[in-house]
Amino acid sequence: MTRKPPQSLAAPPAPVLADRLRSELEDSAVPGRAEGEKAYLKSELEHLGVPLPAMRTLVRNFVRRHPGLDRETLLELTEELWAPPVHESRSCAALLLENRADLLVREDVVYLEQLLRECGTWAHVDLIAPKGAGALLLRLPETGEDFLRWSRDDHQWVRRGGILSYLLALRDQGEFPHYFQDFGELADPLLTDTRFFVRKALGWALREGAKHHPEEVAGWLRERLPRVSGLTLREAIRPIDDETCRALLADHAVHTGRRPRS
């Protein structure tokens, strides 16, 4: 009996894969959802109406079906998916980078930055930065230099991406001590940024660390209360005990002349 040669694990060409994913996206659209989501995000993109959980499942299944996906094909595929001005197609591009962040190398930081500049919405920044760039930081700590540069960029979404690239490191109880000082140096000059999405990102990142290192985060904030926005402070202290929260909010009110909010 003649044995059949083993099938190659190599993935099909990127345009073929992109067409398959787009077809699956269209099949997953929820009638009536697109308009509401577009309005909520104030989006200029076309929307199909596919919920994020459904897109995550779609991409995870896709990755399982193509274990031989290599870095070159991954990048080509994300470019194919990102090119059309379709929200869900771009979301899937970001989710692919998140799922196969293990394939990325330091030079791909330039590509991630390009995507951030083209985002136009926090919804895509928050897929690219935390688990795409964030996974790269944990594997290649030297990329911290790149993400510091992002944080100094005036472009709102690049700056938010620089902040959220530390999210995984601060979320991990064991990694927190190795990264919190660097994050603090990154975040300190951003405390006076008046933009909502920058302030929110700072609070989100600090909140992740406060879940397991509340004293360190509270101490860092306490030293900077005159410059911390109320939004950043309230977001950051959510996991911290009530007594410490009340004290921080009261001291912040004294420094800023504003009535504390719970």
Protein backbone atom coordinates (compact mmCIF):
# COMPACT_ATOMS: atom_id res chain seq x y z
CA MET A 1 0.00 0.00 0.00
CA THR A 2 1.34 3.43 -0.96
CA ARG A 3 1.51 5.87 1.95
CA LYS A 4 0.24 9.39 1.36
CA PRO A 5 2.80 12.07 2.10
CA PRO A 6 2.06 14.01 5.31
CA GLN A 7 0.17 17.23 4.79
CA SER A 8 2.21 20.38 5.30
CA LEU A 9 1.39 22.47 8.33
CA ALA A 10 2.14 25.61 6.36
CA ALA A 11 -0.83 27.98 6.22
CA PRO A 12 -2.45 28.95 2.90
CA PRO A 13 -1.58 32.36 1.41
CA ALA A 14 -2.63 35.36 3.49
CA PRO A 15 -5.27 36.68 1.02
CA VAL A 16 -7.00 33.28 1.07
CA LEU A 17 -7.00 33.21 4.86
CA ALA A 18 -8.30 36.77 5.04
CA ASP A 19 -11.21 35.95 2.73
CA ARG A 20 -12.12 32.97 4.91
CA LEU A 21 -12.12 35.06 8.05
CA ARG A 22 -14.20 37.81 6.45
CA SER A 23 -16.74 35.23 5.33
CA GLU A 24 -16.97 33.86 8.88
CA LEU A 25 -17.39 37.39 10.22
CA GLU A 26 -20.29 38.08 7.90
CA ASP A 27 -21.94 34.83 8.98
CA SER A 28 -21.56 35.87 12.64
CA ALA A 29 -23.20 39.28 12.30
CA VAL A 30 -26.10 39.97 14.67
CA PRO A 31 -29.01 41.74 12.92
CA GLY A 32 -29.57 45.27 14.20
CA ARG A 33 -26.31 45.45 16.16
CA ALA A 34 -24.12 47.36 13.71
CA GLU A 35 -25.81 50.76 13.96
CA GLY A 36 -25.82 50.82 17.75
CA GLU A 37 -22.18 49.82 18.01
CA LYS A 38 -21.13 52.35 15.39
CA ALA A 39 -22.92 55.10 17.30
CA TYR A 40 -21.48 54.02 20.66
CA LEU A 41 -17.91 54.06 19.34
CA LYS A 42 -18.53 57.22 17.27
CA SER A 43 -16.91 55.20 14.53
CA GLU A 44 -16.22 56.22 10.95
CA LEU A 45 -15.71 52.59 9.96
CA GLU A 46 -18.22 50.20 8.49
CA HIS A 47 -19.69 47.87 11.12
CA LEU A 48 -21.02 44.37 10.55
CA GLY A 49 -22.48 43.88 14.02
CA VAL A 50 -20.35 41.01 15.36
CA PRO A 51 -19.91 40.94 19.17
CA LEU A 52 -16.35 40.89 20.51
CA PRO A 53 -16.76 37.50 22.27
CA ALA A 54 -17.82 35.97 18.96
CA MET A 55 -14.77 37.47 17.25
CA ARG A 56 -12.50 36.10 19.96
CA THR A 57 -13.95 32.63 19.46
CA LEU A 58 -13.65 32.92 15.69
CA VAL A 59 -9.98 33.91 15.89
CA ARG A 60 -9.10 31.25 18.49
CA ASN A 61 -10.66 28.56 16.30
CA PHE A 62 -8.87 29.94 13.27
CA VAL A 63 -5.50 29.78 15.06
CA ARG A 64 -6.17 26.18 16.12
CA ARG A 65 -6.93 25.24 12.52
CA HIS A 66 -3.67 26.77 11.33
CA PRO A 67 -0.92 25.73 13.77
CA GLY A 68 1.68 26.23 11.04
CA LEU A 69 1.05 29.97 10.80
CA ASP A 70 4.44 31.69 10.66
CA ARG A 71 5.44 35.27 11.39
CA GLU A 72 5.54 36.37 7.76
CA THR A 73 2.06 35.00 7.03
CA LEU A 74 0.72 36.45 10.29
CA LEU A 75 1.88 39.94 9.39
CA GLU A 76 0.60 39.65 5.81
CA LEU A 77 -2.73 38.38 7.09
CA THR A 78 -3.16 41.20 9.58
CA GLU A 79 -2.34 43.70 6.84
CA GLU A 80 -5.01 42.13 4.62
CA LEU A 81 -7.58 42.30 7.42
CA TRP A 82 -6.62 45.81 8.53
CA ALA A 83 -6.75 47.38 5.07
CA PRO A 84 -10.56 47.52 4.62
CA PRO A 85 -12.25 50.19 6.78
CA VAL A 86 -14.38 47.57 8.53
CA HIS A 87 -14.44 47.52 12.33
CA GLU A 88 -14.69 43.75 12.76
CA SER A 89 -12.04 43.00 10.15
CA ARG A 90 -9.60 45.28 11.95
CA SER A 91 -10.61 43.78 15.29
CA CYS A 92 -9.74 40.32 13.99
CA ALA A 93 -6.36 41.60 12.79
CA ALA A 94 -5.64 42.85 16.31
CA LEU A 95 -6.92 39.62 17.89
CA LEU A 96 -4.63 37.57 15.65
CA LEU A 97 -1.65 39.60 16.86
CA GLU A 98 -2.85 38.99 20.41
CA ASN A 99 -3.24 35.23 19.89
CA ARG A 100 0.11 34.79 18.13
CA ALA A 101 2.15 37.42 19.92
CA ASP A 102 4.70 34.65 20.41
CA LEU A 103 5.68 35.08 16.75
CA LEU A 104 6.45 38.79 17.05
CA VAL A 105 9.98 40.15 17.29
CA ARG A 106 11.22 43.54 18.42
CA GLU A 107 11.25 45.03 14.95
CA ASP A 108 7.48 44.44 14.79
CA VAL A 109 7.02 47.26 17.30
CA VAL A 110 7.19 49.59 14.29
CA TYR A 111 4.23 47.77 12.71
CA LEU A 112 2.22 47.84 15.94
CA GLU A 113 2.85 51.58 16.21
CA GLN A 114 1.62 52.08 12.66
CA LEU A 115 -1.63 50.31 13.54
CA LEU A 116 -2.07 52.45 16.65
CA ARG A 117 -1.70 55.61 14.57
CA GLU A 118 -4.40 54.34 12.22
CA CYS A 119 -6.79 53.11 14.93
CA GLY A 120 -9.13 56.02 15.38
CA THR A 121 -10.75 54.25 18.36
CA TRP A 122 -9.84 53.01 21.81
CA ALA A 123 -11.52 49.71 20.96
CA HIS A 124 -8.66 48.68 18.67
CA VAL A 125 -5.93 50.18 20.84
CA ASP A 126 -7.17 48.02 23.69
CA LEU A 127 -6.77 44.89 21.58
CA ILE A 128 -3.34 45.73 20.15
CA ALA A 129 -1.56 47.12 23.20
CA PRO A 130 -2.30 45.01 26.31
CA LYS A 131 -1.84 41.49 24.95
CA GLY A 132 0.05 42.17 21.74
CA ALA A 133 2.63 44.73 22.82
CA GLY A 134 2.23 43.59 26.43
CA ALA A 135 3.18 40.00 25.65
CA LEU A 136 6.17 41.28 23.70
CA LEU A 137 7.31 43.30 26.74
CA LEU A 138 7.20 40.25 29.00
CA ARG A 139 9.17 38.17 26.51
CA LEU A 140 11.56 40.93 25.41
CA PRO A 141 11.92 43.46 28.26
CA GLU A 142 14.12 45.66 26.08
CA THR A 143 10.96 46.69 24.20
CA GLY A 144 10.22 48.84 27.24
CA GLU A 145 12.38 51.47 25.54
CA ASP A 146 10.02 51.42 22.56
CA PHE A 147 6.90 51.64 24.69
CA LEU A 148 8.39 54.52 26.67
CA ARG A 149 8.81 56.29 23.34
CA TRP A 150 5.16 55.56 22.52
CA SER A 151 4.11 57.11 25.81
CA ARG A 152 5.95 60.34 24.93
CA ASP A 153 4.20 60.61 21.56
CA ASP A 154 1.53 63.30 21.32
CA HIS A 155 -0.76 61.01 19.31
CA GLN A 156 -3.48 59.97 21.76
CA TRP A 157 -3.74 56.33 20.67
CA VAL A 158 0.03 55.79 20.49
CA ARG A 159 0.37 57.24 23.99
CA ARG A 160 -2.48 55.07 25.31
CA GLY A 161 -0.79 52.09 23.67
CA GLY A 162 2.46 52.85 25.50
CA ILE A 163 0.63 52.91 28.83
CA LEU A 164 -1.36 49.74 28.21
CA SER A 165 1.69 47.81 26.99
CA TYR A 166 2.47 47.44 30.71
CA LEU A 167 -0.93 46.04 31.61
CA LEU A 168 0.05 42.34 31.56
CA ALA A 169 3.23 43.00 33.54
CA LEU A 170 1.39 44.94 36.25
CA ARG A 171 -1.44 42.42 36.33
CA ASP A 172 0.96 39.56 37.08
CA GLN A 173 1.76 39.43 40.78
CA GLY A 174 5.20 37.97 40.19
CA GLU A 175 6.18 40.35 37.40
CA PHE A 176 4.88 43.51 39.08
CA PRO A 177 8.04 44.17 41.16
CA HIS A 178 10.21 43.96 38.04
CA TYR A 179 8.16 46.42 36.00
CA PHE A 180 6.46 48.87 38.35
CA GLN A 181 9.41 51.25 38.63
CA ASP A 182 9.72 51.47 34.85
CA PHE A 183 5.97 51.98 34.52
CA GLY A 184 6.09 54.69 37.18
CA GLU A 185 8.76 56.56 35.23
CA LEU A 186 6.67 56.19 32.08
CA ALA A 187 3.45 57.31 33.76
CA ASP A 188 4.69 60.18 35.95
CA PRO A 189 4.90 62.90 33.28
CA LEU A 190 1.58 61.79 31.79
CA LEU A 191 -0.42 62.58 34.92
CA THR A 192 -1.14 66.10 33.69
CA ASP A 193 -2.41 64.95 30.28
CA THR A 194 -5.98 66.23 30.13
CA ARG A 195 -7.32 63.67 27.64
CA PHE A 196 -9.93 61.24 28.96
CA PHE A 197 -8.54 58.13 27.28
CA VAL A 198 -5.01 58.78 28.55
CA ARG A 199 -6.20 59.38 32.11
CA LYS A 200 -8.43 56.29 31.95
CA ALA A 201 -5.54 54.14 30.72
CA LEU A 202 -3.29 55.29 33.55
CA GLY A 203 -5.96 54.41 36.10
CA TRP A 204 -6.60 51.03 34.47
CA ALA A 205 -2.93 50.04 34.52
CA LEU A 206 -2.47 51.14 38.12
CA ARG A 207 -5.65 49.31 39.14
CA GLU A 208 -4.25 46.03 37.81
CA GLY A 209 -1.20 46.42 40.04
CA ALA A 210 -3.29 47.51 43.02
CA LYS A 211 -5.14 44.20 42.97
CA HIS A 212 -2.11 42.46 44.50
CA HIS A 213 0.25 45.31 45.50
CA PRO A 214 -2.16 47.91 46.93
CA GLU A 215 0.35 49.54 49.29
CA GLU A 216 2.87 50.18 46.52
CA VAL A 217 0.28 51.69 44.20
CA ALA A 218 -1.30 53.78 46.97
CA GLY A 219 2.13 55.08 47.97
CA TRP A 220 2.98 56.01 44.38
CA LEU A 221 -0.29 57.90 44.04
CA ARG A 222 0.03 59.59 47.43
CA GLU A 223 3.30 61.23 46.38
CA ARG A 224 1.67 62.65 43.24
CA LEU A 225 -1.80 63.69 44.40
CA PRO A 226 -1.46 67.35 43.29
CA ARG A 227 -0.94 66.16 39.69
CA VAL A 228 -3.18 63.08 39.51
CA SER A 229 -6.56 63.59 37.85
CA GLY A 230 -9.65 62.50 39.74
CA LEU A 231 -10.44 60.01 36.98
CA THR A 232 -7.04 58.31 37.18
CA LEU A 233 -7.19 58.22 40.98
CA ARG A 234 -10.68 56.75 41.18
CA GLU A 235 -9.87 54.08 38.61
CA ALA A 236 -6.60 53.14 40.27
CA ILE A 237 -7.85 52.74 43.84
CA ARG A 238 -10.84 50.50 43.18
CA PRO A 239 -9.14 47.37 44.60
CA ILE A 240 -7.66 49.21 47.60
CA ASP A 241 -9.27 49.05 51.05
CA ASP A 242 -11.95 51.61 51.88
CA GLU A 243 -10.02 53.44 54.58
CA THR A 244 -7.03 54.06 52.32
CA CYS A 245 -9.33 55.10 49.48
CA ARG A 246 -11.13 57.65 51.63
CA ALA A 247 -7.84 59.11 52.80
CA LEU A 248 -6.45 59.39 49.27
CA LEU A 249 -9.62 61.01 47.96
CA ALA A 250 -9.74 63.47 50.86
CA ASP A 251 -6.08 64.43 50.43
CA HIS A 252 -6.60 64.76 46.68
CA ALA A 253 -9.50 67.15 47.32
CA VAL A 254 -7.28 69.27 49.56
CA HIS A 255 -4.55 69.45 46.92
CA THR A 256 -6.87 70.17 44.02
CA GLY A 257 -9.55 72.22 45.79
CA ARG A 258 -12.24 69.88 44.54
CA ARG A 259 -14.87 68.02 46.51
CA PRO A 260 -13.99 64.31 46.75
CA ARG A 261 -16.11 61.84 44.78
CA SER A 262 -16.66 58.29 45.94
